[in-house]
């Protein structure tokens, strides 16, 4: 297969991913007060990560917990381990690491944002909780419009005082899976090597 064909396939997949991200943060997530069009609002939990702000859709947040003991059973790229949540093991993802920051030690001052995305429940490790804000649909910009090929975030949102990356738990879990596969099958060991 030619390089050009591969690039076209990648661009096609990126366009599909962009559409899915728009749907993910799309109409079912926006609240329409009084049913009025043009007044759509999105509720976000603003979190502090090392060196940046993140935003989690309140519709996916189940609970915010102070840091608890993390067991290392599922350690891997971007995965800190698991926590016991009422008898259920929940994977703890490190959004900062998945976004390219250097791995940081777990500290008791940090928090876990317990999220549900479809049937998946994960906890996101964050430095701190900043606020809960409401913003309009016009404040959201899909990540592909900022930088094509960005997998981890659904997009950027202006919170009134700063820009925040929308942290979508399902996308972060997918990124961790991709990284895990990358370490299981390093470059040059696959097909065509």
N, C-alpha and C. Protein backbone atom coordinates (compact mmCIF):
# COMPACT_ATOMS: atom_id res chain seq x y z
N UNK A 1 0.85 -1.17 0.00
CA UNK A 1 0.00 0.00 0.00
C UNK A 1 0.90 1.24 0.00
N UNK A 2 0.54 2.20 -0.78
CA UNK A 2 1.35 3.40 -0.91
C UNK A 2 1.16 4.32 0.30
N UNK A 3 2.18 5.16 0.55
CA UNK A 3 2.11 6.11 1.65
C UNK A 3 0.90 7.03 1.52
N UNK A 4 0.61 7.43 0.29
CA UNK A 4 -0.52 8.32 0.06
C UNK A 4 -1.83 7.66 0.48
N UNK A 5 -1.99 6.37 0.14
CA UNK A 5 -3.19 5.64 0.53
C UNK A 5 -3.29 5.55 2.05
N UNK A 6 -2.16 5.30 2.71
CA UNK A 6 -2.16 5.23 4.18
C UNK A 6 -2.55 6.57 4.78
N UNK A 7 -2.01 7.65 4.25
CA UNK A 7 -2.36 8.98 4.75
C UNK A 7 -3.85 9.27 4.58
N UNK A 8 -4.40 8.87 3.44
CA UNK A 8 -5.83 9.08 3.20
C UNK A 8 -6.67 8.26 4.18
N UNK A 9 -6.24 7.04 4.47
CA UNK A 9 -6.96 6.21 5.45
C UNK A 9 -6.89 6.84 6.84
N UNK A 10 -5.71 7.34 7.22
CA UNK A 10 -5.55 7.98 8.53
C UNK A 10 -6.43 9.21 8.62
N UNK A 11 -6.44 10.03 7.56
CA UNK A 11 -7.28 11.22 7.56
C UNK A 11 -8.76 10.86 7.65
N UNK A 12 -9.15 9.79 6.99
CA UNK A 12 -10.53 9.33 7.07
C UNK A 12 -10.89 8.91 8.49
N UNK A 13 -9.99 8.18 9.14
CA UNK A 13 -10.23 7.76 10.52
C UNK A 13 -10.27 8.96 11.46
N UNK A 14 -9.38 9.94 11.23
CA UNK A 14 -9.39 11.16 12.06
C UNK A 14 -10.69 11.92 11.89
N UNK A 15 -11.22 11.98 10.67
CA UNK A 15 -12.50 12.65 10.44
C UNK A 15 -13.63 11.92 11.15
N UNK A 16 -13.60 10.59 11.12
CA UNK A 16 -14.61 9.81 11.84
C UNK A 16 -14.51 10.07 13.34
N UNK A 17 -13.27 10.10 13.85
CA UNK A 17 -13.05 10.35 15.28
C UNK A 17 -13.54 11.74 15.66
N UNK A 18 -13.28 12.73 14.80
CA UNK A 18 -13.73 14.09 15.07
C UNK A 18 -15.26 14.13 15.16
N UNK A 19 -15.93 13.42 14.26
CA UNK A 19 -17.39 13.37 14.29
C UNK A 19 -17.90 12.70 15.56
N UNK A 20 -17.24 11.63 15.97
CA UNK A 20 -17.65 10.95 17.20
C UNK A 20 -17.44 11.84 18.42
N UNK A 21 -16.34 12.60 18.44
CA UNK A 21 -16.10 13.52 19.56
C UNK A 21 -17.17 14.60 19.60
N UNK A 22 -17.55 15.12 18.44
CA UNK A 22 -18.62 16.13 18.42
C UNK A 22 -19.92 15.55 18.96
N UNK A 23 -20.21 14.31 18.59
CA UNK A 23 -21.42 13.65 19.11
C UNK A 23 -21.30 13.41 20.60
N UNK A 24 -20.09 13.05 21.06
CA UNK A 24 -19.86 12.77 22.48
C UNK A 24 -20.14 14.00 23.32
N UNK A 25 -19.72 15.15 22.85
CA UNK A 25 -19.96 16.41 23.56
C UNK A 25 -21.05 17.16 22.82
N UNK A 26 -21.95 16.40 22.23
CA UNK A 26 -22.97 16.98 21.36
C UNK A 26 -24.27 17.28 22.05
N UNK A 27 -25.31 17.22 21.28
CA UNK A 27 -26.62 17.71 21.69
C UNK A 27 -27.15 17.06 22.96
N UNK A 28 -26.88 15.78 23.20
CA UNK A 28 -27.43 15.15 24.40
C UNK A 28 -26.73 15.62 25.67
N UNK A 29 -25.55 16.23 25.56
CA UNK A 29 -24.84 16.73 26.72
C UNK A 29 -25.24 18.17 27.06
N UNK A 30 -25.76 18.89 26.10
CA UNK A 30 -26.10 20.30 26.29
C UNK A 30 -27.50 20.42 26.85
N UNK A 31 -27.63 21.29 27.84
CA UNK A 31 -28.94 21.56 28.42
C UNK A 31 -29.53 22.78 27.74
N UNK A 32 -30.81 22.72 27.42
CA UNK A 32 -31.50 23.83 26.78
C UNK A 32 -32.51 24.41 27.78
N UNK A 33 -32.09 25.39 28.60
CA UNK A 33 -33.02 25.97 29.56
C UNK A 33 -34.26 26.52 28.86
N UNK A 34 -35.42 26.11 29.33
CA UNK A 34 -36.67 26.59 28.75
C UNK A 34 -36.89 26.13 27.33
N UNK A 35 -36.05 25.21 26.83
CA UNK A 35 -36.20 24.69 25.49
C UNK A 35 -35.81 25.67 24.41
N UNK A 36 -35.16 26.76 24.76
CA UNK A 36 -34.80 27.78 23.77
C UNK A 36 -33.53 27.38 23.02
N UNK A 37 -33.59 27.47 21.71
CA UNK A 37 -32.40 27.21 20.90
C UNK A 37 -31.43 28.36 21.05
N UNK A 38 -30.14 28.09 20.94
CA UNK A 38 -29.12 29.12 21.05
C UNK A 38 -28.73 29.42 22.49
N UNK A 39 -29.41 28.81 23.45
CA UNK A 39 -29.06 29.03 24.85
C UNK A 39 -28.48 27.77 25.48
N UNK A 40 -28.04 26.85 24.64
CA UNK A 40 -27.52 25.58 25.13
C UNK A 40 -26.35 25.83 26.07
N UNK A 41 -26.33 25.09 27.19
CA UNK A 41 -25.30 25.24 28.21
C UNK A 41 -24.72 23.87 28.53
N UNK A 42 -23.46 23.88 28.90
CA UNK A 42 -22.75 22.66 29.27
C UNK A 42 -22.16 22.85 30.65
N UNK A 43 -22.40 21.90 31.56
CA UNK A 43 -21.84 21.95 32.92
C UNK A 43 -20.55 21.15 32.94
N UNK A 44 -19.50 21.77 33.47
CA UNK A 44 -18.17 21.17 33.51
C UNK A 44 -17.57 21.23 34.90
N UNK A 45 -16.87 20.18 35.27
CA UNK A 45 -16.05 20.16 36.47
C UNK A 45 -14.65 20.57 36.03
N UNK A 46 -14.16 21.69 36.53
CA UNK A 46 -12.82 22.18 36.16
C UNK A 46 -11.83 21.60 37.16
N UNK A 47 -10.79 20.94 36.63
CA UNK A 47 -9.78 20.30 37.46
C UNK A 47 -8.40 20.84 37.11
N UNK A 48 -7.52 20.80 38.08
CA UNK A 48 -6.15 21.22 37.87
C UNK A 48 -5.29 19.99 37.65
N UNK A 49 -4.54 20.02 36.55
CA UNK A 49 -3.53 19.01 36.23
C UNK A 49 -2.17 19.72 36.31
N UNK A 50 -1.07 19.00 36.34
CA UNK A 50 0.22 19.69 36.33
C UNK A 50 0.35 20.58 35.09
N UNK A 51 0.40 21.88 35.30
CA UNK A 51 0.64 22.83 34.22
C UNK A 51 -0.54 23.19 33.34
N UNK A 52 -1.74 22.71 33.64
CA UNK A 52 -2.89 23.03 32.78
C UNK A 52 -4.20 22.77 33.51
N UNK A 53 -5.26 23.27 32.89
CA UNK A 53 -6.60 23.00 33.39
C UNK A 53 -7.25 21.93 32.52
N UNK A 54 -8.07 21.11 33.14
CA UNK A 54 -8.87 20.15 32.42
C UNK A 54 -10.33 20.37 32.79
N UNK A 55 -11.22 19.86 31.97
CA UNK A 55 -12.65 19.98 32.22
C UNK A 55 -13.28 18.61 31.96
N UNK A 56 -14.11 18.18 32.90
CA UNK A 56 -14.81 16.90 32.76
C UNK A 56 -16.31 17.21 32.70
N UNK A 57 -17.00 16.62 31.74
CA UNK A 57 -18.44 16.82 31.62
C UNK A 57 -19.12 16.34 32.90
N UNK A 58 -19.91 17.20 33.54
CA UNK A 58 -20.59 16.81 34.77
C UNK A 58 -21.51 15.62 34.55
N UNK A 59 -22.00 15.45 33.33
CA UNK A 59 -22.88 14.31 33.04
C UNK A 59 -22.15 12.97 33.18
N UNK A 60 -20.80 12.99 33.14
CA UNK A 60 -20.06 11.73 33.30
C UNK A 60 -19.47 11.57 34.70
N UNK A 61 -19.53 12.62 35.54
CA UNK A 61 -18.95 12.57 36.88
C UNK A 61 -19.92 11.90 37.84
N UNK A 62 -19.44 10.85 38.51
CA UNK A 62 -20.25 10.19 39.54
C UNK A 62 -19.94 10.73 40.92
N UNK A 63 -18.64 10.94 41.18
CA UNK A 63 -18.24 11.37 42.51
C UNK A 63 -16.80 11.87 42.47
N UNK A 64 -16.48 12.78 43.38
CA UNK A 64 -15.11 13.24 43.55
C UNK A 64 -14.65 12.71 44.91
N UNK A 65 -13.50 12.03 44.89
CA UNK A 65 -12.97 11.40 46.10
C UNK A 65 -11.60 11.98 46.44
N UNK A 66 -11.29 12.07 47.72
CA UNK A 66 -9.92 12.36 48.11
C UNK A 66 -9.10 11.13 47.73
N UNK A 67 -7.81 11.32 47.56
CA UNK A 67 -6.94 10.21 47.15
C UNK A 67 -7.02 9.07 48.15
N UNK A 68 -7.08 7.87 47.63
CA UNK A 68 -7.09 6.65 48.42
C UNK A 68 -5.93 5.77 47.93
N UNK A 69 -5.71 4.67 48.63
CA UNK A 69 -4.63 3.75 48.24
C UNK A 69 -4.92 3.16 46.86
N UNK A 70 -3.90 3.19 46.02
CA UNK A 70 -4.01 2.64 44.66
C UNK A 70 -3.19 1.35 44.62
N UNK A 71 -3.83 0.27 44.21
CA UNK A 71 -3.12 -1.01 44.05
C UNK A 71 -2.56 -1.07 42.64
N UNK A 72 -1.41 -1.70 42.51
CA UNK A 72 -0.67 -1.68 41.25
C UNK A 72 -1.04 -2.80 40.28
N UNK A 73 -2.14 -3.48 40.47
CA UNK A 73 -2.48 -4.63 39.62
C UNK A 73 -2.55 -4.31 38.13
N UNK A 74 -2.97 -3.13 37.76
CA UNK A 74 -3.16 -2.79 36.35
C UNK A 74 -2.20 -1.72 35.86
N UNK A 75 -1.07 -1.54 36.52
CA UNK A 75 -0.15 -0.48 36.11
C UNK A 75 0.22 -0.62 34.65
N UNK A 76 0.42 0.50 34.01
CA UNK A 76 0.83 0.54 32.61
C UNK A 76 0.90 1.98 32.18
N UNK A 77 1.20 2.23 30.93
CA UNK A 77 1.28 3.61 30.46
C UNK A 77 -0.02 4.38 30.70
N UNK A 78 0.05 5.40 31.54
CA UNK A 78 -1.12 6.22 31.83
C UNK A 78 -2.09 5.62 32.83
N UNK A 79 -1.82 4.40 33.30
CA UNK A 79 -2.68 3.73 34.27
C UNK A 79 -1.90 3.57 35.56
N UNK A 80 -2.41 4.17 36.65
CA UNK A 80 -1.70 4.12 37.93
C UNK A 80 -1.98 2.84 38.70
N UNK A 81 -3.09 2.18 38.40
CA UNK A 81 -3.47 0.96 39.11
C UNK A 81 -4.98 0.93 39.27
N UNK A 82 -5.43 0.31 40.35
CA UNK A 82 -6.87 0.23 40.63
C UNK A 82 -7.15 0.64 42.06
N UNK A 83 -8.37 1.14 42.27
CA UNK A 83 -8.86 1.43 43.61
C UNK A 83 -10.10 0.59 43.84
N UNK A 84 -10.39 0.37 45.10
CA UNK A 84 -11.59 -0.36 45.49
C UNK A 84 -12.69 0.67 45.74
N UNK A 85 -13.72 0.64 44.92
CA UNK A 85 -14.84 1.55 45.08
C UNK A 85 -16.06 0.72 45.45
N UNK A 86 -16.38 0.66 46.73
CA UNK A 86 -17.50 -0.11 47.24
C UNK A 86 -17.46 -1.56 46.75
N UNK A 87 -16.27 -2.15 46.79
CA UNK A 87 -16.09 -3.54 46.39
C UNK A 87 -15.85 -3.76 44.91
N UNK A 88 -15.89 -2.71 44.12
CA UNK A 88 -15.67 -2.82 42.68
C UNK A 88 -14.30 -2.26 42.33
N UNK A 89 -13.47 -3.01 41.60
CA UNK A 89 -12.18 -2.46 41.16
C UNK A 89 -12.39 -1.43 40.06
N UNK A 90 -11.76 -0.27 40.21
CA UNK A 90 -11.88 0.81 39.23
C UNK A 90 -10.47 1.24 38.82
N UNK A 91 -10.21 1.26 37.51
CA UNK A 91 -8.90 1.68 37.00
C UNK A 91 -8.71 3.17 37.25
N UNK A 92 -7.48 3.53 37.65
CA UNK A 92 -7.13 4.93 37.88
C UNK A 92 -6.23 5.38 36.73
N UNK A 93 -6.73 6.36 35.96
CA UNK A 93 -5.97 6.90 34.84
C UNK A 93 -5.29 8.19 35.26
N UNK A 94 -4.14 8.46 34.66
CA UNK A 94 -3.39 9.69 34.93
C UNK A 94 -3.49 10.56 33.68
N UNK A 95 -4.49 11.48 33.62
CA UNK A 95 -4.67 12.30 32.42
C UNK A 95 -3.43 13.11 32.06
N UNK A 96 -2.73 13.64 33.06
CA UNK A 96 -1.54 14.46 32.78
C UNK A 96 -0.49 13.63 32.03
N UNK A 97 -0.25 12.41 32.48
CA UNK A 97 0.73 11.53 31.83
C UNK A 97 0.28 11.22 30.41
N UNK A 98 -1.02 10.93 30.24
CA UNK A 98 -1.55 10.62 28.92
C UNK A 98 -1.47 11.82 27.98
N UNK A 99 -1.40 13.03 28.55
CA UNK A 99 -1.29 14.24 27.74
C UNK A 99 0.16 14.67 27.54
N UNK A 100 1.10 13.85 27.99
CA UNK A 100 2.51 14.12 27.72
C UNK A 100 3.33 14.66 28.87
N UNK A 101 2.74 14.87 30.03
CA UNK A 101 3.50 15.35 31.19
C UNK A 101 4.32 14.20 31.77
N UNK A 102 5.39 14.55 32.45
CA UNK A 102 6.21 13.54 33.12
C UNK A 102 5.40 12.89 34.25
N UNK A 103 5.59 11.59 34.47
CA UNK A 103 4.87 10.93 35.56
C UNK A 103 5.18 11.61 36.90
N UNK A 104 4.14 11.80 37.71
CA UNK A 104 4.25 12.43 39.02
C UNK A 104 3.88 11.41 40.09
N UNK A 105 4.47 11.55 41.28
CA UNK A 105 4.09 10.64 42.37
C UNK A 105 2.66 10.90 42.83
N UNK A 106 2.02 9.86 43.34
CA UNK A 106 0.69 10.00 43.92
C UNK A 106 0.86 10.63 45.29
N UNK A 107 0.03 11.66 45.56
CA UNK A 107 0.08 12.35 46.85
C UNK A 107 -1.30 12.36 47.49
N UNK A 108 -1.33 12.36 48.79
CA UNK A 108 -2.61 12.34 49.51
C UNK A 108 -3.42 13.61 49.27
N UNK A 109 -2.79 14.69 48.84
CA UNK A 109 -3.51 15.94 48.58
C UNK A 109 -4.26 15.93 47.25
N UNK A 110 -4.03 14.93 46.42
CA UNK A 110 -4.69 14.84 45.12
C UNK A 110 -6.11 14.28 45.27
N UNK A 111 -6.86 14.33 44.17
CA UNK A 111 -8.23 13.83 44.16
C UNK A 111 -8.41 12.83 43.03
N UNK A 112 -9.47 12.06 43.15
CA UNK A 112 -9.90 11.15 42.09
C UNK A 112 -11.28 11.58 41.64
N UNK A 113 -11.45 11.72 40.34
CA UNK A 113 -12.76 12.04 39.77
C UNK A 113 -13.30 10.73 39.19
N UNK A 114 -14.29 10.18 39.86
CA UNK A 114 -14.89 8.92 39.43
C UNK A 114 -15.89 9.24 38.31
N UNK A 115 -15.66 8.63 37.15
CA UNK A 115 -16.46 8.93 35.95
C UNK A 115 -17.06 7.67 35.37
N UNK A 116 -18.19 7.85 34.72
CA UNK A 116 -18.81 6.76 33.97
C UNK A 116 -18.99 7.23 32.54
N UNK A 117 -18.52 6.38 31.63
CA UNK A 117 -18.72 6.62 30.20
C UNK A 117 -19.27 5.33 29.63
N UNK A 118 -20.56 5.32 29.34
CA UNK A 118 -21.28 4.12 28.91
C UNK A 118 -21.12 3.07 30.01
N UNK A 119 -20.58 1.90 29.70
CA UNK A 119 -20.44 0.85 30.71
C UNK A 119 -19.10 0.92 31.43
N UNK A 120 -18.25 1.86 31.03
CA UNK A 120 -16.91 1.98 31.60
C UNK A 120 -16.91 2.92 32.80
N UNK A 121 -16.35 2.49 33.93
CA UNK A 121 -16.17 3.37 35.09
C UNK A 121 -14.67 3.47 35.32
N UNK A 122 -14.15 4.69 35.36
CA UNK A 122 -12.74 4.93 35.63
C UNK A 122 -12.62 6.10 36.60
N UNK A 123 -11.45 6.20 37.23
CA UNK A 123 -11.13 7.33 38.09
C UNK A 123 -9.99 8.11 37.45
N UNK A 124 -10.12 9.42 37.40
CA UNK A 124 -9.08 10.28 36.85
C UNK A 124 -8.34 10.93 38.02
N UNK A 125 -7.02 10.79 38.05
CA UNK A 125 -6.22 11.42 39.11
C UNK A 125 -5.98 12.87 38.72
N UNK A 126 -6.34 13.80 39.62
CA UNK A 126 -6.15 15.22 39.37
C UNK A 126 -5.45 15.86 40.56
N UNK A 127 -4.79 16.98 40.31
CA UNK A 127 -4.11 17.70 41.39
C UNK A 127 -5.11 18.33 42.34
N UNK A 128 -6.15 18.94 41.77
CA UNK A 128 -7.12 19.63 42.60
C UNK A 128 -8.40 19.86 41.80
N UNK A 129 -9.47 20.15 42.51
CA UNK A 129 -10.74 20.52 41.91
C UNK A 129 -10.83 22.04 41.97
N UNK A 130 -11.08 22.66 40.82
CA UNK A 130 -11.14 24.12 40.75
C UNK A 130 -12.56 24.65 40.96
N UNK A 131 -13.50 24.13 40.17
CA UNK A 131 -14.83 24.73 40.17
C UNK A 131 -15.78 23.88 39.32
N UNK A 132 -17.05 24.19 39.41
CA UNK A 132 -18.05 23.69 38.47
C UNK A 132 -18.56 24.91 37.74
N UNK A 133 -18.51 24.87 36.41
CA UNK A 133 -18.92 26.02 35.62
C UNK A 133 -19.94 25.60 34.59
N UNK A 134 -20.71 26.57 34.13
CA UNK A 134 -21.60 26.38 32.98
C UNK A 134 -21.07 27.26 31.88
N UNK A 135 -21.10 26.74 30.68
CA UNK A 135 -20.65 27.51 29.53
C UNK A 135 -21.59 27.26 28.36
N UNK A 136 -21.46 28.06 27.34
CA UNK A 136 -22.33 27.91 26.18
C UNK A 136 -21.69 27.00 25.14
N UNK A 137 -22.51 26.52 24.24
CA UNK A 137 -22.03 25.65 23.16
C UNK A 137 -20.97 26.34 22.33
N UNK A 138 -21.05 27.65 22.19
CA UNK A 138 -20.07 28.37 21.37
C UNK A 138 -18.69 28.41 21.99
N UNK A 139 -18.56 28.09 23.28
CA UNK A 139 -17.25 28.09 23.94
C UNK A 139 -16.48 26.80 23.66
N UNK A 140 -17.14 25.79 23.11
CA UNK A 140 -16.52 24.49 22.83
C UNK A 140 -15.94 24.47 21.43
N UNK A 141 -14.71 23.95 21.32
CA UNK A 141 -14.07 23.76 20.02
C UNK A 141 -13.51 22.34 19.97
N UNK A 142 -13.96 21.51 19.03
CA UNK A 142 -13.45 20.14 18.94
C UNK A 142 -11.94 20.13 18.77
N UNK A 143 -11.28 19.13 19.35
CA UNK A 143 -9.82 19.08 19.35
C UNK A 143 -9.24 19.05 17.94
N UNK A 144 -9.93 18.41 17.00
CA UNK A 144 -9.40 18.34 15.63
C UNK A 144 -9.35 19.70 14.95
N UNK A 145 -10.13 20.65 15.44
CA UNK A 145 -10.07 22.00 14.89
C UNK A 145 -8.91 22.79 15.48
N UNK A 146 -8.34 22.28 16.59
CA UNK A 146 -7.18 22.91 17.22
C UNK A 146 -5.90 22.24 16.73
N UNK A 147 -5.87 20.90 16.78
CA UNK A 147 -4.72 20.13 16.33
C UNK A 147 -5.20 18.76 15.86
N UNK A 148 -5.22 18.50 14.56
CA UNK A 148 -5.67 17.20 14.06
C UNK A 148 -4.87 16.05 14.67
N UNK A 149 -5.57 14.95 14.93
CA UNK A 149 -4.91 13.77 15.45
C UNK A 149 -4.84 13.71 16.96
N UNK A 150 -5.40 14.70 17.66
CA UNK A 150 -5.37 14.67 19.12
C UNK A 150 -6.40 13.65 19.58
N UNK A 151 -5.94 12.60 20.25
CA UNK A 151 -6.82 11.51 20.65
C UNK A 151 -7.40 11.72 22.04
N UNK A 152 -6.61 12.25 22.97
CA UNK A 152 -6.97 12.23 24.37
C UNK A 152 -8.14 13.12 24.76
N UNK A 153 -8.28 14.27 24.13
CA UNK A 153 -9.31 15.20 24.54
C UNK A 153 -10.41 15.33 23.50
N UNK A 154 -11.61 15.62 23.98
CA UNK A 154 -12.73 15.84 23.06
C UNK A 154 -12.66 17.21 22.44
N UNK A 155 -12.00 18.14 23.13
CA UNK A 155 -11.90 19.49 22.60
C UNK A 155 -11.41 20.44 23.66
N UNK A 156 -11.48 21.71 23.33
CA UNK A 156 -11.09 22.79 24.24
C UNK A 156 -12.35 23.59 24.56
N UNK A 157 -12.36 24.16 25.77
CA UNK A 157 -13.48 24.99 26.15
C UNK A 157 -12.94 26.21 26.89
N UNK A 158 -13.52 27.35 26.61
CA UNK A 158 -13.15 28.57 27.32
C UNK A 158 -14.03 28.66 28.55
N UNK A 159 -13.41 28.67 29.73
CA UNK A 159 -14.15 28.63 30.99
C UNK A 159 -14.50 30.01 31.51
N UNK A 160 -14.19 31.04 30.79
CA UNK A 160 -14.43 32.40 31.24
C UNK A 160 -13.12 33.09 31.58
N UNK A 161 -12.24 32.34 32.26
CA UNK A 161 -10.95 32.93 32.64
C UNK A 161 -9.77 32.21 31.97
N UNK A 162 -9.99 31.02 31.46
CA UNK A 162 -8.88 30.25 30.87
C UNK A 162 -9.44 29.20 29.92
N UNK A 163 -8.52 28.62 29.14
CA UNK A 163 -8.88 27.49 28.29
C UNK A 163 -8.63 26.20 29.04
N UNK A 164 -9.50 25.23 28.85
CA UNK A 164 -9.34 23.92 29.48
C UNK A 164 -9.56 22.85 28.43
N UNK A 165 -8.79 21.77 28.54
CA UNK A 165 -8.96 20.62 27.67
C UNK A 165 -10.07 19.75 28.25
N UNK A 166 -11.06 19.41 27.42
CA UNK A 166 -12.13 18.53 27.90
C UNK A 166 -11.58 17.12 27.98
N UNK A 167 -11.55 16.59 29.19
CA UNK A 167 -11.05 15.24 29.45
C UNK A 167 -12.22 14.28 29.35
N UNK A 168 -12.22 13.49 28.32
CA UNK A 168 -13.28 12.51 28.13
C UNK A 168 -12.75 11.16 28.60
N UNK A 169 -13.33 10.59 29.68
CA UNK A 169 -12.82 9.34 30.24
C UNK A 169 -12.67 8.21 29.23
N UNK A 170 -13.63 8.04 28.33
CA UNK A 170 -13.54 6.95 27.35
C UNK A 170 -12.36 7.15 26.41
N UNK A 171 -12.09 8.40 26.01
CA UNK A 171 -10.95 8.67 25.14
C UNK A 171 -9.63 8.46 25.87
N UNK A 172 -9.58 8.84 27.15
CA UNK A 172 -8.36 8.62 27.94
C UNK A 172 -8.09 7.13 28.12
N UNK A 173 -9.15 6.35 28.35
CA UNK A 173 -8.99 4.90 28.47
C UNK A 173 -8.51 4.30 27.16
N UNK A 174 -9.04 4.80 26.05
CA UNK A 174 -8.60 4.34 24.73
C UNK A 174 -7.13 4.67 24.51
N UNK A 175 -6.72 5.88 24.90
CA UNK A 175 -5.31 6.28 24.77
C UNK A 175 -4.41 5.35 25.59
N UNK A 176 -4.84 5.01 26.80
CA UNK A 176 -4.06 4.10 27.64
C UNK A 176 -3.93 2.73 26.96
N UNK A 177 -5.01 2.26 26.33
CA UNK A 177 -4.97 0.98 25.61
C UNK A 177 -4.00 1.05 24.44
N UNK A 178 -4.04 2.14 23.70
CA UNK A 178 -3.13 2.31 22.56
C UNK A 178 -1.68 2.30 23.05
N UNK A 179 -1.41 3.01 24.14
CA UNK A 179 -0.05 3.04 24.68
C UNK A 179 0.38 1.66 25.18
N UNK A 180 -0.55 0.94 25.79
CA UNK A 180 -0.24 -0.42 26.27
C UNK A 180 0.12 -1.33 25.10
N UNK A 181 -0.63 -1.21 24.01
CA UNK A 181 -0.32 -1.99 22.81
C UNK A 181 1.04 -1.60 22.24
N UNK A 182 1.34 -0.29 22.28
CA UNK A 182 2.63 0.19 21.79
C UNK A 182 3.80 -0.38 22.56
N UNK A 183 3.62 -0.58 23.87
CA UNK A 183 4.70 -1.16 24.66
C UNK A 183 4.76 -2.68 24.49
N UNK A 184 3.61 -3.28 24.20
CA UNK A 184 3.59 -4.73 23.98
C UNK A 184 4.20 -5.10 22.63
N UNK A 185 4.00 -4.21 21.65
CA UNK A 185 4.51 -4.44 20.31
C UNK A 185 5.31 -3.21 19.87
N UNK A 186 6.54 -3.08 20.30
CA UNK A 186 7.34 -1.89 19.96
C UNK A 186 7.50 -1.73 18.45
N UNK A 187 7.74 -0.50 18.03
CA UNK A 187 7.93 -0.19 16.60
C UNK A 187 9.00 -1.09 16.01
N UNK A 188 8.73 -1.58 14.82
CA UNK A 188 9.70 -2.43 14.15
C UNK A 188 9.51 -3.91 14.41
N UNK A 189 8.53 -4.27 15.27
CA UNK A 189 8.31 -5.70 15.55
C UNK A 189 7.04 -6.21 14.89
N UNK A 190 6.32 -5.31 14.23
CA UNK A 190 5.04 -5.71 13.63
C UNK A 190 5.20 -6.16 12.20
N UNK A 191 4.07 -6.14 11.53
CA UNK A 191 3.99 -6.57 10.15
C UNK A 191 4.87 -5.70 9.26
N UNK A 192 5.58 -6.30 8.37
CA UNK A 192 6.39 -5.58 7.41
C UNK A 192 7.77 -5.24 7.94
N UNK A 193 8.14 -5.72 9.12
CA UNK A 193 9.47 -5.42 9.68
C UNK A 193 10.51 -6.34 9.12
